[in-house]
Amino acid sequence: GIALDEPGPDRSAIARQELRRLQAALDRLPPRARDAVVMRKIEGLSRPEIAARMGIAEPTVSQHLAAGMAALADFFHSETIDPGEKP
């Protein structure tokens, strides 16, 4: 038996499901917030690089990032809580 570094079919299915959830959450963001989040968290760009690409000031990038990340957190948090559950 040789150990494989590849994930099993169950792990691959879970990863695909998680990617679909992330894409659905990103699709719900306002376009500017989505662009800023994708550039920062997926592409790894700095705030100055994002500002230059988007043609906006760095503080505005920070506002888009904050709004986008808060919306993503709300999306994922609301999915994990049973609506009938008390906090």
Protein backbone atom coordinates (compact mmCIF):
# COMPACT_ATOMS: atom_id res chain seq x y z
CA GLY A 1 0.00 0.00 0.00
CA ILE A 2 1.30 3.30 -1.14
CA ALA A 3 -0.18 6.31 0.60
CA LEU A 4 -1.76 8.78 -1.77
CA ASP A 5 -1.53 12.53 -1.27
CA GLU A 6 -4.82 13.01 -3.11
CA PRO A 7 -7.98 13.53 -1.08
CA GLY A 8 -10.59 10.81 -1.21
CA PRO A 9 -13.85 11.18 -3.12
CA ASP A 10 -15.72 12.28 0.01
CA ARG A 11 -13.23 15.05 0.75
CA SER A 12 -13.31 16.20 -2.88
CA ALA A 13 -17.12 16.38 -2.78
CA ILE A 14 -17.01 18.42 0.45
CA ALA A 15 -14.43 20.78 -1.05
CA ARG A 16 -16.58 21.31 -4.16
CA GLN A 17 -19.61 22.01 -1.96
CA GLU A 18 -17.63 24.55 0.08
CA LEU A 19 -16.44 26.29 -3.10
CA ARG A 20 -20.04 26.50 -4.35
CA ARG A 21 -21.11 28.05 -1.02
CA LEU A 22 -18.28 30.57 -1.21
CA GLN A 23 -19.16 31.47 -4.81
CA ALA A 24 -22.82 31.91 -3.84
CA ALA A 25 -21.80 34.18 -0.95
CA LEU A 26 -19.47 36.23 -3.17
CA ASP A 27 -22.23 36.58 -5.78
CA ARG A 28 -24.45 38.24 -3.14
CA LEU A 29 -21.94 41.00 -2.42
CA PRO A 30 -22.16 44.42 -4.04
CA PRO A 31 -19.80 44.45 -7.05
CA ARG A 32 -17.17 46.80 -5.58
CA ALA A 33 -17.05 44.90 -2.28
CA ARG A 34 -16.83 41.58 -4.15
CA ASP A 35 -13.99 42.86 -6.34
CA ALA A 36 -12.06 44.15 -3.33
CA VAL A 37 -12.52 40.91 -1.37
CA VAL A 38 -11.50 38.73 -4.32
CA MET A 39 -8.41 40.83 -5.01
CA ARG A 40 -7.37 40.82 -1.34
CA LYS A 41 -8.27 37.34 -0.15
CA ILE A 42 -7.96 35.28 -3.32
CA GLU A 43 -5.44 37.14 -5.46
CA GLY A 44 -3.42 38.33 -2.44
CA LEU A 45 -3.12 41.96 -3.52
CA SER A 46 -2.31 44.70 -1.02
CA ARG A 47 -4.69 47.56 -0.29
CA PRO A 48 -2.55 50.01 -2.33
CA GLU A 49 -2.55 47.58 -5.28
CA ILE A 50 -6.33 47.17 -5.04
CA ALA A 51 -6.80 50.94 -4.84
CA ALA A 52 -4.70 51.40 -7.97
CA ARG A 53 -6.56 48.68 -9.87
CA MET A 54 -9.98 49.96 -8.86
CA GLY A 55 -9.07 53.63 -9.26
CA ILE A 56 -10.16 54.51 -5.72
CA ALA A 57 -8.50 55.69 -2.50
CA GLU A 58 -7.09 53.20 0.01
CA PRO A 59 -9.61 54.16 2.74
CA THR A 60 -12.38 53.33 0.27
CA VAL A 61 -10.78 49.94 -0.36
CA SER A 62 -10.78 49.36 3.40
CA GLN A 63 -14.48 50.25 3.53
CA HIS A 64 -15.29 47.83 0.71
CA LEU A 65 -13.26 45.08 2.37
CA ALA A 66 -14.90 45.63 5.75
CA ALA A 67 -18.39 45.62 4.24
CA GLY A 68 -17.64 42.56 2.12
CA MET A 69 -16.10 40.54 4.93
CA ALA A 70 -18.95 41.45 7.30
CA ALA A 71 -21.51 40.36 4.71
CA LEU A 72 -19.65 37.08 4.12
CA ALA A 73 -19.49 36.43 7.86
CA ASP A 74 -23.21 37.11 8.18
CA PHE A 75 -23.94 34.80 5.24
CA PHE A 76 -21.95 31.89 6.64
CA HIS A 77 -23.03 32.49 10.22
CA SER A 78 -26.72 32.55 9.27
CA GLU A 79 -26.32 29.26 7.40
CA THR A 80 -24.94 27.48 10.44
CA ILE A 81 -27.59 28.56 12.93
CA ASP A 82 -30.92 26.81 13.22
CA PRO A 83 -33.56 29.58 12.86
CA GLY A 84 -35.49 28.14 15.81
CA GLU A 85 -32.37 28.05 18.00
CA LYS A 86 -31.99 30.67 20.71
CA PRO A 87 -28.60 32.41 20.97
